[in-house]
Amino acid sequence: PKQAADAYYRAPITRGDKEMNRVWPFEKVYPAE
């Protein structure tokens, strides 16, 4: 949950997008703009 996470991850849809940066530090996400 948000209170315990220090980062977020989004799995790739296909093999082709696995190189994209999909791990985001908590402080890059919150607080929302």
PDB file of all heavy atoms in Angstrom:
ATOM      1  N   PRO A   1       0.825  -1.209   0.000  1.00  0.00           N
ATOM      2  CA  PRO A   1       0.000   0.000   0.000  1.00  0.00           C
ATOM      3  C   PRO A   1       0.857   1.256   0.000  1.00  0.00           C
ATOM      4  O   PRO A   1       2.064   1.208   0.267  1.00  0.00           O
ATOM      5  CB  PRO A   1      -0.814  -0.130   1.294  1.00  0.00           C
ATOM      6  CG  PRO A   1       0.009  -1.019   2.167  1.00  0.00           C
ATOM      7  CD  PRO A   1       0.701  -1.969   1.247  1.00  0.00           C
ATOM      8  N   LYS A   2       0.235   2.380  -0.282  1.00  0.00           N
ATOM      9  CA  LYS A   2       0.976   3.639  -0.393  1.00  0.00           C
ATOM     10  C   LYS A   2       1.810   3.941   0.854  1.00  0.00           C
ATOM     11  O   LYS A   2       2.908   4.476   0.768  1.00  0.00           O
ATOM     12  CB  LYS A   2       0.000   4.794  -0.671  1.00  0.00           C
ATOM     13  CG  LYS A   2      -0.590   4.787  -2.064  1.00  0.00           C
ATOM     14  CD  LYS A   2      -1.344   6.062  -2.359  1.00  0.00           C
ATOM     15  CE  LYS A   2      -2.751   6.060  -1.804  1.00  0.00           C
ATOM     16  NZ  LYS A   2      -3.683   5.244  -2.595  1.00  0.00           N
ATOM     17  N   GLN A   3       1.277   3.590   2.029  1.00  0.00           N
ATOM     18  CA  GLN A   3       1.989   3.907   3.263  1.00  0.00           C
ATOM     19  C   GLN A   3       3.284   3.104   3.400  1.00  0.00           C
ATOM     20  O   GLN A   3       4.187   3.497   4.140  1.00  0.00           O
ATOM     21  CB  GLN A   3       1.103   3.611   4.479  1.00  0.00           C
ATOM     22  CG  GLN A   3      -0.209   4.392   4.480  1.00  0.00           C
ATOM     23  CD  GLN A   3      -1.332   3.617   3.812  1.00  0.00           C
ATOM     24  OE1 GLN A   3      -1.139   3.017   2.765  1.00  0.00           O
ATOM     25  NE2 GLN A   3      -2.501   3.652   4.419  1.00  0.00           N
ATOM     26  N   ALA A   4       3.373   1.957   2.713  1.00  0.00           N
ATOM     27  CA  ALA A   4       4.537   1.082   2.874  1.00  0.00           C
ATOM     28  C   ALA A   4       5.473   1.082   1.673  1.00  0.00           C
ATOM     29  O   ALA A   4       6.619   0.652   1.782  1.00  0.00           O
ATOM     30  CB  ALA A   4       4.063  -0.351   3.150  1.00  0.00           C
ATOM     31  N   ALA A   5       5.007   1.546   0.520  1.00  0.00           N
ATOM     32  CA  ALA A   5       5.836   1.512  -0.693  1.00  0.00           C
ATOM     33  C   ALA A   5       6.864   2.635  -0.675  1.00  0.00           C
ATOM     34  O   ALA A   5       6.589   3.728  -0.191  1.00  0.00           O
ATOM     35  CB  ALA A   5       4.950   1.638  -1.923  1.00  0.00           C
ATOM     36  N   ASP A   6       8.041   2.355  -1.220  1.00  0.00           N
ATOM     37  CA  ASP A   6       8.991   3.450  -1.435  1.00  0.00           C
ATOM     38  C   ASP A   6       9.285   3.629  -2.924  1.00  0.00           C
ATOM     39  O   ASP A   6      10.098   4.452  -3.310  1.00  0.00           O
ATOM     40  CB  ASP A   6      10.276   3.264  -0.626  1.00  0.00           C
ATOM     41  CG  ASP A   6      11.131   2.096  -1.085  1.00  0.00           C
ATOM     42  OD1 ASP A   6      10.797   1.426  -2.077  1.00  0.00           O
ATOM     43  OD2 ASP A   6      12.147   1.857  -0.439  1.00  0.00           O
ATOM     44  N   ALA A   7       8.593   2.846  -3.752  1.00  0.00           N
ATOM     45  CA  ALA A   7       8.674   3.001  -5.205  1.00  0.00           C
ATOM     46  C   ALA A   7       7.469   2.312  -5.824  1.00  0.00           C
ATOM     47  O   ALA A   7       6.717   1.603  -5.142  1.00  0.00           O
ATOM     48  CB  ALA A   7       9.972   2.395  -5.743  1.00  0.00           C
ATOM     49  N   TYR A   8       7.281   2.539  -7.122  1.00  0.00           N
ATOM     50  CA  TYR A   8       6.218   1.884  -7.875  1.00  0.00           C
ATOM     51  C   TYR A   8       6.814   1.218  -9.111  1.00  0.00           C
ATOM     52  O   TYR A   8       7.807   1.681  -9.677  1.00  0.00           O
ATOM     53  CB  TYR A   8       5.140   2.883  -8.303  1.00  0.00           C
ATOM     54  CG  TYR A   8       4.195   3.261  -7.186  1.00  0.00           C
ATOM     55  CD1 TYR A   8       4.330   4.463  -6.513  1.00  0.00           C
ATOM     56  CD2 TYR A   8       3.174   2.405  -6.802  1.00  0.00           C
ATOM     57  CE1 TYR A   8       3.486   4.810  -5.488  1.00  0.00           C
ATOM     58  CE2 TYR A   8       2.312   2.735  -5.775  1.00  0.00           C
ATOM     59  CZ  TYR A   8       2.464   3.939  -5.129  1.00  0.00           C
ATOM     60  OH  TYR A   8       1.616   4.272  -4.103  1.00  0.00           O
ATOM     61  N   TYR A   9       6.139   0.156  -9.514  1.00  0.00           N
ATOM     62  CA  TYR A   9       6.578  -0.620 -10.675  1.00  0.00           C
ATOM     63  C   TYR A   9       5.380  -0.900 -11.560  1.00  0.00           C
ATOM     64  O   TYR A   9       4.290  -1.196 -11.075  1.00  0.00           O
ATOM     65  CB  TYR A   9       7.205  -1.936 -10.208  1.00  0.00           C
ATOM     66  CG  TYR A   9       7.337  -3.015 -11.271  1.00  0.00           C
ATOM     67  CD1 TYR A   9       8.376  -2.986 -12.189  1.00  0.00           C
ATOM     68  CD2 TYR A   9       6.420  -4.061 -11.340  1.00  0.00           C
ATOM     69  CE1 TYR A   9       8.503  -3.972 -13.147  1.00  0.00           C
ATOM     70  CE2 TYR A   9       6.542  -5.054 -12.299  1.00  0.00           C
ATOM     71  CZ  TYR A   9       7.583  -5.009 -13.203  1.00  0.00           C
ATOM     72  OH  TYR A   9       7.704  -5.986 -14.160  1.00  0.00           O
ATOM     73  N   ARG A  10       5.575  -0.793 -12.873  1.00  0.00           N
ATOM     74  CA  ARG A  10       4.545  -1.198 -13.833  1.00  0.00           C
ATOM     75  C   ARG A  10       5.137  -2.217 -14.771  1.00  0.00           C
ATOM     76  O   ARG A  10       6.126  -1.960 -15.458  1.00  0.00           O
ATOM     77  CB  ARG A  10       4.033  -0.016 -14.651  1.00  0.00           C
ATOM     78  CG  ARG A  10       2.696  -0.315 -15.320  1.00  0.00           C
ATOM     79  CD  ARG A  10       2.488   0.479 -16.604  1.00  0.00           C
ATOM     80  NE  ARG A  10       3.056  -0.248 -17.734  1.00  0.00           N
ATOM     81  CZ  ARG A  10       3.101   0.220 -18.968  1.00  0.00           C
ATOM     82  NH1 ARG A  10       2.669   1.425 -19.226  1.00  0.00           N
ATOM     83  NH2 ARG A  10       3.622  -0.490 -19.939  1.00  0.00           N
ATOM     84  N   ALA A  11       4.533  -3.407 -14.794  1.00  0.00           N
ATOM     85  CA  ALA A  11       5.056  -4.493 -15.629  1.00  0.00           C
ATOM     86  C   ALA A  11       4.914  -4.150 -17.112  1.00  0.00           C
ATOM     87  O   ALA A  11       4.016  -3.405 -17.500  1.00  0.00           O
ATOM     88  CB  ALA A  11       4.322  -5.791 -15.319  1.00  0.00           C
ATOM     89  N   PRO A  12       5.791  -4.700 -17.958  1.00  0.00           N
ATOM     90  CA  PRO A  12       5.686  -4.448 -19.400  1.00  0.00           C
ATOM     91  C   PRO A  12       4.466  -5.129 -19.993  1.00  0.00           C
ATOM     92  O   PRO A  12       4.000  -6.150 -19.489  1.00  0.00           O
ATOM     93  CB  PRO A  12       6.976  -5.055 -19.961  1.00  0.00           C
ATOM     94  CG  PRO A  12       7.341  -6.115 -18.979  1.00  0.00           C
ATOM     95  CD  PRO A  12       6.915  -5.593 -17.638  1.00  0.00           C
ATOM     96  N   ILE A  13       3.935  -4.572 -21.062  1.00  0.00           N
ATOM     97  CA  ILE A  13       2.814  -5.186 -21.774  1.00  0.00           C
ATOM     98  C   ILE A  13       3.335  -6.264 -22.706  1.00  0.00           C
ATOM     99  O   ILE A  13       2.771  -7.348 -22.824  1.00  0.00           O
ATOM    100  CB  ILE A  13       2.054  -4.125 -22.596  1.00  0.00           C
ATOM    101  CG1 ILE A  13       1.634  -2.964 -21.713  1.00  0.00           C
ATOM    102  CG2 ILE A  13       0.839  -4.748 -23.274  1.00  0.00           C
ATOM    103  CD1 ILE A  13       1.118  -1.793 -22.498  1.00  0.00           C
ATOM    104  N   THR A  14       4.408  -5.957 -23.402  1.00  0.00           N
ATOM    105  CA  THR A  14       5.010  -6.887 -24.360  1.00  0.00           C
ATOM    106  C   THR A  14       6.505  -6.945 -24.104  1.00  0.00           C
ATOM    107  O   THR A  14       7.050  -6.137 -23.351  1.00  0.00           O
ATOM    108  CB  THR A  14       4.767  -6.432 -25.809  1.00  0.00           C
ATOM    109  OG1 THR A  14       5.487  -5.211 -26.037  1.00  0.00           O
ATOM    110  CG2 THR A  14       3.287  -6.185 -26.075  1.00  0.00           C
ATOM    111  N   ARG A  15       7.169  -7.875 -24.737  1.00  0.00           N
ATOM    112  CA  ARG A  15       8.628  -7.942 -24.602  1.00  0.00           C
ATOM    113  C   ARG A  15       9.280  -6.663 -25.107  1.00  0.00           C
ATOM    114  O   ARG A  15      10.331  -6.248 -24.633  1.00  0.00           O
ATOM    115  CB  ARG A  15       9.189  -9.137 -25.392  1.00  0.00           C
ATOM    116  CG  ARG A  15       8.639 -10.483 -24.992  1.00  0.00           C
ATOM    117  CD  ARG A  15       8.858 -10.822 -23.543  1.00  0.00           C
ATOM    118  NE  ARG A  15      10.252 -10.998 -23.192  1.00  0.00           N
ATOM    119  CZ  ARG A  15      10.684 -11.175 -21.953  1.00  0.00           C
ATOM    120  NH1 ARG A  15       9.833 -11.162 -20.956  1.00  0.00           N
ATOM    121  NH2 ARG A  15      11.959 -11.347 -21.707  1.00  0.00           N
ATOM    122  N   GLY A  16       8.635  -6.016 -26.065  1.00  0.00           N
ATOM    123  CA  GLY A  16       9.242  -4.848 -26.699  1.00  0.00           C
ATOM    124  C   GLY A  16       9.347  -3.634 -25.814  1.00  0.00           C
ATOM    125  O   GLY A  16      10.171  -2.771 -26.057  1.00  0.00           O
ATOM    126  N   ASP A  17       8.493  -3.529 -24.773  1.00  0.00           N
ATOM    127  CA  ASP A  17       8.563  -2.310 -23.969  1.00  0.00           C
ATOM    128  C   ASP A  17       9.299  -2.535 -22.649  1.00  0.00           C
ATOM    129  O   ASP A  17       9.279  -1.709 -21.771  1.00  0.00           O
ATOM    130  CB  ASP A  17       7.168  -1.734 -23.725  1.00  0.00           C
ATOM    131  CG  ASP A  17       6.372  -2.493 -22.673  1.00  0.00           C
ATOM    132  OD1 ASP A  17       6.747  -3.629 -22.348  1.00  0.00           O
ATOM    133  OD2 ASP A  17       5.373  -1.941 -22.191  1.00  0.00           O
ATOM    134  N   LYS A  18       9.993  -3.664 -22.508  1.00  0.00           N
ATOM    135  CA  LYS A  18      10.644  -3.968 -21.241  1.00  0.00           C
ATOM    136  C   LYS A  18      11.814  -3.032 -20.949  1.00  0.00           C
ATOM    137  O   LYS A  18      12.220  -2.893 -19.811  1.00  0.00           O
ATOM    138  CB  LYS A  18      11.043  -5.441 -21.207  1.00  0.00           C
ATOM    139  CG  LYS A  18      12.471  -5.789 -21.346  1.00  0.00           C
ATOM    140  CD  LYS A  18      12.707  -7.276 -21.251  1.00  0.00           C
ATOM    141  CE  LYS A  18      13.552  -7.599 -20.073  1.00  0.00           C
ATOM    142  NZ  LYS A  18      14.152  -8.896 -20.090  1.00  0.00           N
ATOM    143  N   GLU A  19      12.364  -2.345 -21.972  1.00  0.00           N
ATOM    144  CA  GLU A  19      13.485  -1.450 -21.729  1.00  0.00           C
ATOM    145  C   GLU A  19      13.041  -0.124 -21.111  1.00  0.00           C
ATOM    146  O   GLU A  19      13.865   0.630 -20.608  1.00  0.00           O
ATOM    147  CB  GLU A  19      14.230  -1.165 -23.043  1.00  0.00           C
ATOM    148  CG  GLU A  19      14.925  -2.382 -23.656  1.00  0.00           C
ATOM    149  CD  GLU A  19      13.974  -3.292 -24.401  1.00  0.00           C
ATOM    150  OE1 GLU A  19      12.843  -2.860 -24.708  1.00  0.00           O
ATOM    151  OE2 GLU A  19      14.341  -4.455 -24.645  1.00  0.00           O
ATOM    152  N   MET A  20      11.759   0.185 -21.193  1.00  0.00           N
ATOM    153  CA  MET A  20      11.293   1.451 -20.642  1.00  0.00           C
ATOM    154  C   MET A  20      11.508   1.476 -19.128  1.00  0.00           C
ATOM    155  O   MET A  20      11.402   0.453 -18.459  1.00  0.00           O
ATOM    156  CB  MET A  20       9.798   1.640 -20.935  1.00  0.00           C
ATOM    157  CG  MET A  20       9.476   1.833 -22.407  1.00  0.00           C
ATOM    158  SD  MET A  20       7.704   2.122 -22.626  1.00  0.00           S
ATOM    159  CE  MET A  20       7.631   2.294 -24.412  1.00  0.00           C
ATOM    160  N   ASN A  21      11.793   2.647 -18.583  1.00  0.00           N
ATOM    161  CA  ASN A  21      11.966   2.785 -17.144  1.00  0.00           C
ATOM    162  C   ASN A  21      10.598   2.716 -16.486  1.00  0.00           C
ATOM    163  O   ASN A  21       9.791   3.623 -16.615  1.00  0.00           O
ATOM    164  CB  ASN A  21      12.655   4.120 -16.825  1.00  0.00           C
ATOM    165  CG  ASN A  21      13.052   4.201 -15.367  1.00  0.00           C
ATOM    166  OD1 ASN A  21      12.287   3.844 -14.485  1.00  0.00           O
ATOM    167  ND2 ASN A  21      14.257   4.670 -15.113  1.00  0.00           N
ATOM    168  N   ARG A  22      10.339   1.624 -15.778  1.00  0.00           N
ATOM    169  CA  ARG A  22       9.030   1.418 -15.180  1.00  0.00           C
ATOM    170  C   ARG A  22       9.104   1.299 -13.666  1.00  0.00           C
ATOM    171  O   ARG A  22       8.206   0.780 -13.033  1.00  0.00           O
ATOM    172  CB  ARG A  22       8.371   0.168 -15.774  1.00  0.00           C
ATOM    173  CG  ARG A  22       7.932   0.358 -17.208  1.00  0.00           C
ATOM    174  CD  ARG A  22       7.702  -0.964 -17.912  1.00  0.00           C
ATOM    175  NE  ARG A  22       8.954  -1.631 -18.222  1.00  0.00           N
ATOM    176  CZ  ARG A  22       9.486  -2.611 -17.478  1.00  0.00           C
ATOM    177  NH1 ARG A  22       8.877  -3.050 -16.437  1.00  0.00           N
ATOM    178  NH2 ARG A  22      10.632  -3.160 -17.830  1.00  0.00           N
ATOM    179  N   VAL A  23      10.198   1.739 -13.054  1.00  0.00           N
ATOM    180  CA  VAL A  23      10.289   1.813 -11.599  1.00  0.00           C
ATOM    181  C   VAL A  23      10.425   3.280 -11.225  1.00  0.00           C
ATOM    182  O   VAL A  23      11.358   3.950 -11.669  1.00  0.00           O
ATOM    183  CB  VAL A  23      11.484   1.000 -11.064  1.00  0.00           C
ATOM    184  CG1 VAL A  23      11.612   1.179  -9.563  1.00  0.00           C
ATOM    185  CG2 VAL A  23      11.318  -0.477 -11.406  1.00  0.00           C
ATOM    186  N   TRP A  24       9.487   3.776 -10.418  1.00  0.00           N
ATOM    187  CA  TRP A  24       9.435   5.200 -10.111  1.00  0.00           C
ATOM    188  C   TRP A  24       9.531   5.415  -8.609  1.00  0.00           C
ATOM    189  O   TRP A  24       8.673   4.936  -7.851  1.00  0.00           O
ATOM    190  CB  TRP A  24       8.121   5.792 -10.640  1.00  0.00           C
ATOM    191  CG  TRP A  24       7.882   5.471 -12.080  1.00  0.00           C
ATOM    192  CD1 TRP A  24       8.683   5.766 -13.134  1.00  0.00           C
ATOM    193  CD2 TRP A  24       6.763   4.752 -12.631  1.00  0.00           C
ATOM    194  NE1 TRP A  24       8.129   5.295 -14.309  1.00  0.00           N
ATOM    195  CE2 TRP A  24       6.950   4.666 -14.033  1.00  0.00           C
ATOM    196  CE3 TRP A  24       5.614   4.188 -12.087  1.00  0.00           C
ATOM    197  CZ2 TRP A  24       6.049   4.035 -14.875  1.00  0.00           C
ATOM    198  CZ3 TRP A  24       4.704   3.552 -12.936  1.00  0.00           C
ATOM    199  CH2 TRP A  24       4.932   3.491 -14.314  1.00  0.00           C
ATOM    200  N   PRO A  25      10.554   6.108  -8.138  1.00  0.00           N
ATOM    201  CA  PRO A  25      10.659   6.407  -6.710  1.00  0.00           C
ATOM    202  C   PRO A  25       9.410   7.132  -6.208  1.00  0.00           C
ATOM    203  O   PRO A  25       8.806   7.942  -6.917  1.00  0.00           O
ATOM    204  CB  PRO A  25      11.893   7.314  -6.638  1.00  0.00           C
ATOM    205  CG  PRO A  25      12.691   6.969  -7.855  1.00  0.00           C
ATOM    206  CD  PRO A  25      11.680   6.632  -8.913  1.00  0.00           C
ATOM    207  N   PHE A  26       9.034   6.828  -4.992  1.00  0.00           N
ATOM    208  CA  PHE A  26       7.818   7.385  -4.400  1.00  0.00           C
ATOM    209  C   PHE A  26       7.792   8.903  -4.507  1.00  0.00           C
ATOM    210  O   PHE A  26       6.761   9.499  -4.821  1.00  0.00           O
ATOM    211  CB  PHE A  26       7.726   6.938  -2.931  1.00  0.00           C
ATOM    212  CG  PHE A  26       6.425   7.247  -2.265  1.00  0.00           C
ATOM    213  CD1 PHE A  26       5.383   6.333  -2.287  1.00  0.00           C
ATOM    214  CD2 PHE A  26       6.232   8.446  -1.594  1.00  0.00           C
ATOM    215  CE1 PHE A  26       4.174   6.605  -1.659  1.00  0.00           C
ATOM    216  CE2 PHE A  26       5.029   8.731  -0.972  1.00  0.00           C
ATOM    217  CZ  PHE A  26       3.995   7.808  -0.998  1.00  0.00           C
ATOM    218  N   GLU A  27       8.946   9.535  -4.257  1.00  0.00           N
ATOM    219  CA  GLU A  27       8.984  10.995  -4.249  1.00  0.00           C
ATOM    220  C   GLU A  27       8.844  11.599  -5.642  1.00  0.00           C
ATOM    221  O   GLU A  27       8.580  12.806  -5.776  1.00  0.00           O
ATOM    222  CB  GLU A  27      10.281  11.494  -3.596  1.00  0.00           C
ATOM    223  CG  GLU A  27      11.561  11.127  -4.332  1.00  0.00           C
ATOM    224  CD  GLU A  27      12.124   9.780  -3.931  1.00  0.00           C
ATOM    225  OE1 GLU A  27      11.418   8.990  -3.267  1.00  0.00           O
ATOM    226  OE2 GLU A  27      13.298   9.515  -4.281  1.00  0.00           O
ATOM    227  N   LYS A  28       9.001  10.785  -6.696  1.00  0.00           N
ATOM    228  CA  LYS A  28       8.741  11.270  -8.050  1.00  0.00           C
ATOM    229  C   LYS A  28       7.244  11.218  -8.375  1.00  0.00           C
ATOM    230  O   LYS A  28       6.775  11.885  -9.300  1.00  0.00           O
ATOM    231  CB  LYS A  28       9.505  10.423  -9.074  1.00  0.00           C
ATOM    232  CG  LYS A  28      11.022  10.462  -8.936  1.00  0.00           C
ATOM    233  CD  LYS A  28      11.585  11.828  -9.267  1.00  0.00           C
ATOM    234  CE  LYS A  28      13.101  11.801  -9.279  1.00  0.00           C
ATOM    235  NZ  LYS A  28      13.679  13.142  -9.558  1.00  0.00           N
ATOM    236  N   VAL A  29       6.511  10.430  -7.607  1.00  0.00           N
ATOM    237  CA  VAL A  29       5.083  10.226  -7.859  1.00  0.00           C
ATOM    238  C   VAL A  29       4.222  11.175  -7.027  1.00  0.00           C
ATOM    239  O   VAL A  29       3.275  11.790  -7.527  1.00  0.00           O
ATOM    240  CB  VAL A  29       4.700   8.761  -7.554  1.00  0.00           C
ATOM    241  CG1 VAL A  29       3.205   8.535  -7.756  1.00  0.00           C
ATOM    242  CG2 VAL A  29       5.516   7.801  -8.424  1.00  0.00           C
ATOM    243  N   TYR A  30       4.548  11.315  -5.738  1.00  0.00           N
ATOM    244  CA  TYR A  30       3.738  12.115  -4.810  1.00  0.00           C
ATOM    245  C   TYR A  30       4.533  13.303  -4.286  1.00  0.00           C
ATOM    246  O   TYR A  30       5.759  13.235  -4.184  1.00  0.00           O
ATOM    247  CB  TYR A  30       3.312  11.247  -3.626  1.00  0.00           C
ATOM    248  CG  TYR A  30       2.380  10.132  -3.988  1.00  0.00           C
ATOM    249  CD1 TYR A  30       2.842   8.815  -4.051  1.00  0.00           C
ATOM    250  CD2 TYR A  30       1.033  10.378  -4.256  1.00  0.00           C
ATOM    251  CE1 TYR A  30       1.986   7.777  -4.365  1.00  0.00           C
ATOM    252  CE2 TYR A  30       0.182   9.341  -4.582  1.00  0.00           C
ATOM    253  CZ  TYR A  30       0.657   8.043  -4.636  1.00  0.00           C
ATOM    254  OH  TYR A  30      -0.191   7.018  -4.959  1.00  0.00           O
ATOM    255  N   PRO A  31       3.809  14.388  -3.931  1.00  0.00           N
ATOM    256  CA  PRO A  31       2.374  14.607  -4.102  1.00  0.00           C
ATOM    257  C   PRO A  31       2.034  14.893  -5.563  1.00  0.00           C
ATOM    258  O   PRO A  31       2.839  15.479  -6.298  1.00  0.00           O
ATOM    259  CB  PRO A  31       2.094  15.827  -3.225  1.00  0.00           C
ATOM    260  CG  PRO A  31       3.402  16.571  -3.200  1.00  0.00           C
ATOM    261  CD  PRO A  31       4.469  15.524  -3.236  1.00  0.00           C
ATOM    262  N   ALA A  32       0.853  14.496  -5.976  1.00  0.00           N
ATOM    263  CA  ALA A  32       0.447  14.637  -7.372  1.00  0.00           C
ATOM    264  C   ALA A  32       0.345  16.108  -7.773  1.00  0.00           C
ATOM    265  O   ALA A  32      -0.011  16.970  -6.966  1.00  0.00           O
ATOM    266  CB  ALA A  32      -0.883  13.942  -7.601  1.00  0.00           C
ATOM    267  N   GLU A  33       0.663  16.357  -9.037  1.00  0.00           N
ATOM    268  CA  GLU A  33       0.418  17.659  -9.663  1.00  0.00           C
ATOM    269  C   GLU A  33      -0.779  17.509 -10.598  1.00  0.00           C
ATOM    270  O   GLU A  33      -1.327  16.405 -10.756  1.00  0.00           O
ATOM    271  CB  GLU A  33       1.653  18.110 -10.450  1.00  0.00           C
ATOM    272  CG  GLU A  33       2.915  18.246  -9.626  1.00  0.00           C
ATOM    273  CD  GLU A  33       2.878  19.452  -8.701  1.00  0.00           C
ATOM    274  OE1 GLU A  33       2.111  20.391  -8.983  1.00  0.00           O
ATOM    275  OE2 GLU A  33       3.617  19.440  -7.696  1.00  0.00           O
TER     276      GLU A  33
END
